[in-house]
Amino acid sequence: MSAACFALLAGCGSTVDGHPVAGEQTVVSRHVGAALPALLVEPGQFPARYAAVVLPAEAAAQAAGDLTGIGRGGRVQPERCVPPQQEFGADKTAIAVGTDDAARATITVELTRTAQPLAVLRSQLKQCGSVQVSRGAAMTTVTTELDPAPPIDADDTVAFRRTVQPDVGGAGLKQAMRTLAGQVGDVRITVTYMSFSGAEPDMTAMDQLFTTAVQRVQKG
């Protein structure tokens, strides 16, 4: 929401507790039985400065589009960079969002039910470093860069940073995101820090929430 000040990067002191992942998840081999709303990080588990809520389905659909930088109804070039179709409902997507008004930033924890291994997302991110998105006459450039994967006990993990820059717009319209993502069976976990102020991401809060989210899914 937001990646990666890990020990793998010089000058960064934040780490995610757990064990390094040995390889890529290339097939989804198990179903996590618990429903996504039961696995989702609770609002009270966010750091105190983040006022957190669980989003209803319609708001979750809007938020998920914002996290891709593309949103609903956007036309994408190159076409291979269109995000996979995402379903919304009681056991398809669950999202909690914490807002830090002072920093003009949010942290979003998202759980999605998927039949795709995380390797599919990683491959798409590698091919889609720069994407043009159009809605009518409005154009936006979405830039994505992979970061070192967070070491945690999951089937696979990936981390990346992303900027969403309108081709025409004033100050404060640029979005900057850092994301930590992991997968346990058929549940994908993403934690994204989104800022409109250009401030550095709150990696301590991200690491805490990512660890909590992965552990909750593991226990499910």
Protein backbone atom coordinates (compact mmCIF):
# COMPACT_ATOMS: atom_id res chain seq x y z
CA MET A 1 0.00 0.00 0.00
CA SER A 2 4.24 0.37 -0.26
CA ALA A 3 7.17 -1.65 -0.13
CA ALA A 4 10.18 -2.42 0.97
CA CYS A 5 12.42 -1.09 3.61
CA PHE A 6 13.72 -4.46 4.63
CA ALA A 7 17.13 -5.52 5.83
CA LEU A 8 17.74 -6.39 2.19
CA LEU A 9 17.92 -2.68 1.37
CA ALA A 10 20.73 -0.46 2.59
CA GLY A 11 19.66 2.22 5.00
CA CYS A 12 16.34 0.63 5.90
CA GLY A 13 15.78 -0.87 9.30
CA SER A 14 12.29 -2.33 9.06
CA THR A 15 11.74 -6.09 8.76
CA VAL A 16 8.83 -8.49 8.63
CA ASP A 17 8.93 -11.26 11.20
CA GLY A 18 8.93 -14.78 9.78
CA HIS A 19 10.98 -17.01 7.54
CA PRO A 20 12.28 -16.29 4.03
CA VAL A 21 10.24 -17.83 1.24
CA ALA A 22 12.24 -20.40 -0.73
CA GLY A 23 10.58 -20.08 -4.11
CA GLU A 24 7.67 -18.87 -6.18
CA GLN A 25 4.14 -20.15 -5.78
CA THR A 26 3.35 -21.58 -9.23
CA VAL A 27 0.10 -23.38 -8.42
CA VAL A 28 -2.66 -22.88 -5.84
CA SER A 29 -2.63 -26.17 -3.98
CA ARG A 30 -5.07 -25.66 -1.12
CA HIS A 31 -8.26 -23.92 -0.11
CA VAL A 32 -8.38 -21.84 3.06
CA GLY A 33 -11.68 -22.81 4.64
CA ALA A 34 -12.48 -19.75 6.75
CA ALA A 35 -14.48 -16.90 5.20
CA LEU A 36 -12.50 -13.79 4.29
CA PRO A 37 -14.36 -11.40 6.64
CA ALA A 38 -13.37 -13.66 9.56
CA LEU A 39 -9.72 -13.63 8.46
CA LEU A 40 -9.47 -9.88 7.84
CA VAL A 41 -7.41 -7.74 10.19
CA GLU A 42 -9.78 -6.03 12.63
CA PRO A 43 -9.94 -2.20 12.81
CA GLY A 44 -8.66 -2.34 16.40
CA GLN A 45 -5.48 -4.05 15.20
CA PHE A 46 -4.40 -1.00 13.19
CA PRO A 47 -1.87 1.34 14.85
CA ALA A 48 -3.65 3.94 16.97
CA ARG A 49 -3.15 6.90 14.63
CA TYR A 50 -5.03 5.13 11.82
CA ALA A 51 -8.81 5.43 12.09
CA ALA A 52 -9.82 2.11 10.54
CA VAL A 53 -13.05 0.69 9.13
CA VAL A 54 -14.10 -2.43 7.23
CA LEU A 55 -15.52 -1.47 3.84
CA PRO A 56 -18.88 -2.70 2.50
CA ALA A 57 -18.83 -4.47 -0.88
CA GLU A 58 -19.45 -1.41 -3.09
CA ALA A 59 -16.82 0.69 -1.34
CA ALA A 60 -14.42 -2.28 -1.45
CA ALA A 61 -14.81 -2.46 -5.23
CA GLN A 62 -13.93 1.23 -5.55
CA ALA A 63 -10.95 0.91 -3.22
CA ALA A 64 -9.58 -2.15 -5.02
CA GLY A 65 -9.62 -0.25 -8.31
CA ASP A 66 -7.78 2.67 -6.74
CA LEU A 67 -5.04 0.33 -5.49
CA THR A 68 -4.28 -0.87 -9.02
CA GLY A 69 -3.94 2.73 -10.18
CA ILE A 70 -6.43 1.99 -12.93
CA GLY A 71 -9.85 2.18 -11.33
CA ARG A 72 -13.15 1.15 -12.80
CA GLY A 73 -13.77 1.93 -16.45
CA GLY A 74 -10.19 2.84 -17.30
CA ARG A 75 -8.71 1.82 -20.66
CA VAL A 76 -5.21 0.40 -20.36
CA GLN A 77 -2.24 0.40 -22.72
CA PRO A 78 -0.56 -1.99 -23.18
CA GLU A 79 -3.58 -4.29 -22.93
CA ARG A 80 -1.54 -7.09 -21.32
CA CYS A 81 -1.36 -4.89 -18.22
CA VAL A 82 -5.09 -4.94 -17.50
CA PRO A 83 -5.50 -6.31 -13.94
CA PRO A 84 -7.23 -9.70 -13.62
CA GLN A 85 -10.99 -9.63 -13.14
CA GLN A 86 -11.77 -9.34 -9.44
CA GLU A 87 -14.95 -10.54 -7.78
CA PHE A 88 -16.61 -8.82 -4.84
CA GLY A 89 -18.86 -10.31 -2.22
CA ALA A 90 -18.90 -11.97 1.18
CA ASP A 91 -16.11 -14.46 0.44
CA LYS A 92 -14.47 -12.91 -2.62
CA THR A 93 -12.88 -9.68 -1.35
CA ALA A 94 -12.56 -8.17 2.12
CA ILE A 95 -10.95 -4.78 2.78
CA ALA A 96 -10.14 -2.72 5.86
CA VAL A 97 -8.76 0.82 5.53
CA GLY A 98 -7.00 2.93 8.11
CA THR A 99 -6.67 6.69 7.56
CA ASP A 100 -4.01 9.03 8.94
CA ASP A 101 -5.52 12.45 8.27
CA ALA A 102 -2.45 14.35 9.42
CA ALA A 103 -0.21 12.57 6.90
CA ARG A 104 -2.85 12.51 4.13
CA ALA A 105 -2.27 8.77 3.88
CA THR A 106 -4.08 5.46 4.18
CA ILE A 107 -3.11 1.86 4.82
CA THR A 108 -5.35 -0.72 3.16
CA VAL A 109 -5.43 -4.40 4.07
CA GLU A 110 -7.07 -6.49 1.35
CA LEU A 111 -7.87 -10.21 1.23
CA THR A 112 -8.95 -11.76 -2.06
CA ARG A 113 -9.95 -15.28 -2.98
CA THR A 114 -8.03 -16.33 -6.10
CA ALA A 115 -7.23 -19.38 -8.20
CA GLN A 116 -4.07 -17.71 -9.52
CA PRO A 117 -0.68 -18.15 -7.86
CA LEU A 118 1.20 -15.01 -6.89
CA ALA A 119 3.73 -15.77 -9.64
CA VAL A 120 1.13 -14.58 -12.18
CA LEU A 121 0.98 -11.15 -10.54
CA ARG A 122 4.77 -10.97 -10.31
CA SER A 123 5.11 -11.75 -14.02
CA GLN A 124 2.59 -9.06 -14.95
CA LEU A 125 4.31 -6.47 -12.77
CA LYS A 126 7.63 -7.20 -14.47
CA GLN A 127 6.06 -6.57 -17.88
CA CYS A 128 4.13 -3.47 -16.87
CA GLY A 129 6.61 -0.96 -15.50
CA SER A 130 4.79 1.92 -17.20
CA VAL A 131 1.11 1.88 -18.14
CA GLN A 132 -1.13 4.52 -19.72
CA VAL A 133 -4.71 4.72 -18.43
CA SER A 134 -7.41 6.77 -20.13
CA ARG A 135 -10.91 7.76 -19.10
CA GLY A 136 -12.43 9.93 -21.78
CA ALA A 137 -9.92 12.74 -22.40
CA ALA A 138 -8.12 12.23 -19.07
CA MET A 139 -4.80 10.38 -19.17
CA THR A 140 -2.82 8.91 -16.28
CA THR A 141 0.58 7.24 -16.16
CA VAL A 142 0.95 4.35 -13.70
CA THR A 143 4.55 3.38 -12.92
CA THR A 144 5.39 0.20 -10.99
CA GLU A 145 8.73 -1.07 -9.69
CA LEU A 146 9.38 -4.37 -7.91
CA ASP A 147 11.11 -4.37 -4.52
CA PRO A 148 12.70 -7.25 -2.59
CA ALA A 149 10.05 -9.72 -1.45
CA PRO A 150 9.21 -9.57 2.26
CA PRO A 151 10.49 -12.59 4.23
CA ILE A 152 7.53 -14.20 5.97
CA ASP A 153 6.04 -17.67 6.30
CA ALA A 154 3.69 -17.70 3.29
CA ASP A 155 3.49 -19.66 0.03
CA ASP A 156 4.95 -16.69 -1.83
CA THR A 157 5.45 -12.94 -1.40
CA VAL A 158 6.11 -9.90 -3.55
CA ALA A 159 6.61 -6.19 -2.90
CA PHE A 160 6.40 -3.19 -5.17
CA ARG A 161 6.09 0.58 -5.29
CA ARG A 162 3.73 2.43 -7.59
CA THR A 163 2.98 6.00 -8.62
CA VAL A 164 -0.15 7.28 -10.32
CA GLN A 165 0.47 10.58 -12.09
CA PRO A 166 -2.20 12.48 -14.06
CA ASP A 167 -0.70 13.84 -17.29
CA VAL A 168 -2.38 17.17 -16.52
CA GLY A 169 -3.04 18.20 -12.93
CA GLY A 170 -2.00 20.30 -10.01
CA ALA A 171 0.03 19.54 -6.93
CA GLY A 172 -1.43 16.93 -4.63
CA LEU A 173 -2.96 14.78 -7.38
CA LYS A 174 -0.04 12.36 -7.61
CA GLN A 175 -0.56 9.13 -5.67
CA ALA A 176 2.38 7.18 -4.28
CA MET A 177 1.88 3.61 -3.09
CA ARG A 178 4.00 0.91 -1.48
CA THR A 179 2.61 -2.62 -1.36
CA LEU A 180 3.47 -5.84 0.43
CA ALA A 181 1.67 -8.91 -0.94
CA GLY A 182 1.63 -12.54 0.06
CA GLN A 183 -0.41 -15.64 -0.63
CA VAL A 184 -1.51 -18.53 1.55
CA GLY A 185 -3.37 -21.18 -0.42
CA ASP A 186 -6.15 -19.45 -2.37
CA VAL A 187 -6.10 -16.27 -0.26
CA ARG A 188 -4.03 -13.30 -1.39
CA ILE A 189 -3.04 -10.74 1.24
CA THR A 190 -2.03 -7.20 0.30
CA VAL A 191 -1.13 -4.27 2.51
CA THR A 192 -0.80 -0.93 0.72
CA TYR A 193 0.30 2.48 1.97
CA MET A 194 -1.10 5.27 -0.20
CA SER A 195 -0.05 8.91 0.15
CA PHE A 196 -0.91 12.14 -1.62
CA SER A 197 1.69 14.17 0.27
CA GLY A 198 4.91 12.59 -0.97
CA ALA A 199 5.83 11.53 2.56
CA GLU A 200 7.82 8.36 3.18
CA PRO A 201 5.62 5.31 3.81
CA ASP A 202 5.02 4.15 7.36
CA MET A 203 6.92 0.88 7.04
CA THR A 204 6.60 0.04 10.72
CA ALA A 205 2.80 0.06 10.49
CA MET A 206 2.89 -1.79 7.17
CA ASP A 207 5.15 -4.52 8.52
CA GLN A 208 2.97 -4.92 11.60
CA LEU A 209 -0.25 -5.20 9.62
CA PHE A 210 1.23 -7.48 6.97
CA THR A 211 2.55 -9.87 9.61
CA THR A 212 -0.78 -9.87 11.43
CA ALA A 213 -2.75 -10.38 8.21
CA VAL A 214 -0.61 -13.30 7.02
CA GLN A 215 -0.72 -14.99 10.41
CA ARG A 216 -4.51 -14.70 10.59
CA VAL A 217 -4.86 -16.36 7.18
CA GLN A 218 -2.36 -19.07 8.11
CA LYS A 219 -4.47 -19.94 11.14
CA GLY A 220 -7.65 -20.00 9.02
